[in-house]
């Protein structure tokens, strides 16, 4: 009986580690995309799904400055939602940082979910990470983007369109493959 219980626990832990960390309870609600017409009367979908125009947001960085997604308009963006309490998130940080350091033409932007600034600053300093980190302490951006599991990463093109969404751990090889 004890052996069976241990096996069940190991399988459960492996499933959580493989899929990521649950950040928000999925209550079955989904945000409708906002439709806006541009100056040429083409309808644009603003949302958090593939082929949507990425929702803009403004959060504070680790220096307390306000930063918006639109500040990076015209650039490719890797938008990564994470927490220092999430094992797969911690594991992928070195890969994100290495990719950031070797690709000047692509913005790696981390959005920390629900942790206070001192905790995040300590984690970033201890790891020696250099890519920009924003703080979503109230989880409002996470809710807008429909984040349920961490890490979740959005790949946004130069036009601001979400090209791909990756849930779970990213490796440096995964990142290189996306952009080769």
Protein backbone atom coordinates (compact mmCIF):
# COMPACT_ATOMS: atom_id res chain seq x y z
CA UNK A 1 0.00 0.00 0.00
CA UNK A 2 2.80 2.42 0.89
CA UNK A 3 4.60 1.63 -2.36
CA UNK A 4 1.43 2.39 -4.36
CA UNK A 5 0.97 5.73 -2.56
CA UNK A 6 4.58 6.72 -3.24
CA UNK A 7 4.22 5.88 -6.95
CA UNK A 8 1.03 7.97 -7.19
CA UNK A 9 2.77 10.92 -5.51
CA UNK A 10 5.77 10.65 -7.83
CA UNK A 11 3.52 10.62 -10.90
CA UNK A 12 1.64 13.70 -9.62
CA UNK A 13 4.89 15.60 -8.96
CA UNK A 14 6.20 14.67 -12.40
CA UNK A 15 3.02 15.95 -14.05
CA UNK A 16 3.27 19.31 -12.30
CA UNK A 17 6.97 19.63 -13.15
CA UNK A 18 6.33 18.75 -16.79
CA UNK A 19 3.38 21.06 -17.39
CA UNK A 20 4.47 23.98 -15.26
CA UNK A 21 3.01 25.69 -12.26
CA UNK A 22 -0.67 26.58 -11.95
CA UNK A 23 -0.96 30.32 -11.29
CA UNK A 24 -4.63 31.12 -11.78
CA UNK A 25 -7.67 28.98 -11.28
CA UNK A 26 -9.45 28.36 -14.57
CA UNK A 27 -12.99 29.34 -13.75
CA UNK A 28 -14.22 28.69 -17.27
CA UNK A 29 -14.45 32.36 -18.10
CA UNK A 30 -12.64 33.67 -21.10
CA UNK A 31 -12.11 37.22 -22.13
CA UNK A 32 -13.58 38.21 -25.44
CA UNK A 33 -11.21 39.77 -27.89
CA UNK A 34 -11.64 43.48 -28.42
CA UNK A 35 -12.12 44.41 -32.05
CA UNK A 36 -10.81 47.75 -33.25
CA UNK A 37 -10.70 49.19 -36.72
CA UNK A 38 -7.41 50.65 -37.86
CA UNK A 39 -7.03 53.70 -40.08
CA UNK A 40 -7.49 51.58 -43.23
CA UNK A 41 -10.77 50.09 -41.93
CA UNK A 42 -9.24 46.67 -41.38
CA UNK A 43 -10.56 44.90 -38.32
CA UNK A 44 -7.91 43.97 -35.75
CA UNK A 45 -8.42 41.46 -32.95
CA UNK A 46 -6.72 42.46 -29.71
CA UNK A 47 -6.36 39.54 -27.36
CA UNK A 48 -4.16 36.83 -26.00
CA UNK A 49 -4.51 34.07 -28.60
CA UNK A 50 -2.40 33.21 -31.61
CA UNK A 51 -2.91 35.64 -34.50
CA UNK A 52 -4.34 38.31 -32.14
CA UNK A 53 -2.74 41.70 -31.74
CA UNK A 54 -1.10 41.48 -28.31
CA UNK A 55 -2.90 43.38 -25.58
CA UNK A 56 -0.97 46.39 -24.39
CA UNK A 57 -0.28 46.79 -20.69
CA UNK A 58 1.76 48.96 -18.36
CA UNK A 59 3.65 47.59 -15.34
CA UNK A 60 6.53 48.74 -13.17
CA UNK A 61 10.03 47.38 -13.69
CA UNK A 62 12.49 46.59 -10.90
CA UNK A 63 13.56 50.25 -10.78
CA UNK A 64 9.96 51.36 -10.22
CA UNK A 65 9.60 52.83 -13.73
CA UNK A 66 6.45 52.29 -15.76
CA UNK A 67 6.99 50.20 -18.88
CA UNK A 68 4.39 49.36 -21.53
CA UNK A 69 4.39 46.62 -24.11
CA UNK A 70 3.96 49.35 -26.74
CA UNK A 71 7.40 50.68 -25.75
CA UNK A 72 8.78 47.76 -27.78
CA UNK A 73 6.63 48.37 -30.88
CA UNK A 74 8.31 47.31 -34.10
CA UNK A 75 10.45 44.63 -32.40
CA UNK A 76 10.09 40.90 -31.97
CA UNK A 77 9.20 40.14 -28.36
CA UNK A 78 9.47 37.05 -26.19
CA UNK A 79 6.97 37.76 -23.40
CA UNK A 80 7.54 35.32 -20.54
CA UNK A 81 5.20 34.99 -17.53
CA UNK A 82 6.97 33.45 -14.53
CA UNK A 83 7.51 33.27 -10.76
CA UNK A 84 10.58 32.47 -8.69
CA UNK A 85 8.47 29.91 -6.79
CA UNK A 86 7.92 27.87 -9.98
CA UNK A 87 10.64 25.24 -10.61
CA UNK A 88 10.35 25.19 -14.44
CA UNK A 89 10.41 29.00 -14.43
CA UNK A 90 13.65 29.03 -12.46
CA UNK A 91 15.11 26.37 -14.75
CA UNK A 92 14.45 28.32 -17.95
CA UNK A 93 15.78 31.69 -16.73
CA UNK A 94 19.42 31.04 -17.78
CA UNK A 95 18.27 30.12 -21.30
CA UNK A 96 16.14 33.26 -21.59
CA UNK A 97 19.03 35.40 -20.36
CA UNK A 98 21.55 33.79 -22.72
CA UNK A 99 19.16 34.29 -25.63
CA UNK A 100 18.64 37.92 -24.59
CA UNK A 101 22.39 38.55 -24.49
CA UNK A 102 23.00 37.00 -27.91
CA UNK A 103 20.06 38.52 -29.84
CA UNK A 104 20.03 42.33 -29.84
CA UNK A 105 17.16 42.41 -32.34
CA UNK A 106 14.74 40.43 -30.12
CA UNK A 107 13.34 41.69 -26.82
CA UNK A 108 13.08 39.20 -23.98
CA UNK A 109 10.61 40.59 -21.45
CA UNK A 110 9.84 38.78 -18.20
CA UNK A 111 6.61 39.39 -16.31
CA UNK A 112 6.80 38.19 -12.72
CA UNK A 113 3.48 37.08 -11.32
CA UNK A 114 2.39 37.96 -7.83
CA UNK A 115 5.69 38.40 -5.99
CA UNK A 116 6.88 41.54 -4.25
CA UNK A 117 9.67 43.59 -5.79
CA UNK A 118 12.29 42.71 -3.16
CA UNK A 119 11.82 38.96 -3.69
CA UNK A 120 12.09 39.41 -7.46
CA UNK A 121 15.12 41.74 -7.22
CA UNK A 122 16.95 39.24 -5.01
CA UNK A 123 16.18 36.37 -7.39
CA UNK A 124 17.31 38.34 -10.46
CA UNK A 125 20.49 39.60 -8.77
CA UNK A 126 21.39 36.16 -7.39
CA UNK A 127 21.00 34.65 -10.87
CA UNK A 128 22.81 37.50 -12.61
CA UNK A 129 19.96 37.86 -15.14
CA UNK A 130 19.98 40.93 -17.35
CA UNK A 131 16.76 40.99 -19.37
CA UNK A 132 13.96 43.41 -18.39
CA UNK A 133 11.60 42.23 -15.65
CA UNK A 134 8.16 43.70 -14.99
CA UNK A 135 6.06 43.15 -11.87
CA UNK A 136 2.45 41.99 -12.14
CA UNK A 137 1.82 41.97 -8.39
CA UNK A 138 -1.98 42.06 -8.73
CA UNK A 139 -2.02 39.46 -11.55
CA UNK A 140 -4.08 41.79 -13.75
CA UNK A 141 -1.96 41.24 -16.86
CA UNK A 142 -1.85 37.50 -16.18
CA UNK A 143 -5.65 37.52 -16.11
CA UNK A 144 -5.87 39.56 -19.33
CA UNK A 145 -3.51 37.11 -21.05
CA UNK A 146 -5.34 34.06 -19.69
CA UNK A 147 -2.32 32.70 -17.83
CA UNK A 148 -3.16 29.52 -15.94
CA UNK A 149 0.21 27.75 -15.88
CA UNK A 150 3.75 29.04 -15.54
CA UNK A 151 5.90 29.48 -17.34
CA UNK A 152 3.89 30.69 -20.31
CA UNK A 153 5.66 32.47 -23.15
CA UNK A 154 4.18 34.53 -25.99
CA UNK A 155 6.12 35.08 -29.21
CA UNK A 156 5.10 38.44 -30.67
CA UNK A 157 6.22 39.66 -34.10
CA UNK A 158 7.23 43.17 -35.20
CA UNK A 159 3.61 44.06 -35.98
CA UNK A 160 2.53 43.13 -32.46
CA UNK A 161 0.80 39.91 -33.53
CA UNK A 162 1.04 36.85 -31.27
CA UNK A 163 2.63 34.20 -33.48
CA UNK A 164 2.94 31.39 -30.94
CA UNK A 165 2.29 30.56 -27.29
CA UNK A 166 4.42 28.07 -25.38
CA UNK A 167 3.24 26.68 -22.04
CA UNK A 168 5.94 25.04 -19.94
CA UNK A 169 9.70 25.00 -19.82
CA UNK A 170 11.66 26.57 -22.71
CA UNK A 171 15.23 25.59 -23.47
CA UNK A 172 17.85 27.59 -25.33
CA UNK A 173 17.42 25.13 -28.22
CA UNK A 174 13.67 25.85 -28.28
CA UNK A 175 14.36 29.58 -28.47
CA UNK A 176 16.95 29.23 -31.22
CA UNK A 177 14.60 26.98 -33.20
CA UNK A 178 11.83 29.61 -33.05
CA UNK A 179 14.04 32.23 -34.64
CA UNK A 180 16.10 30.27 -37.19
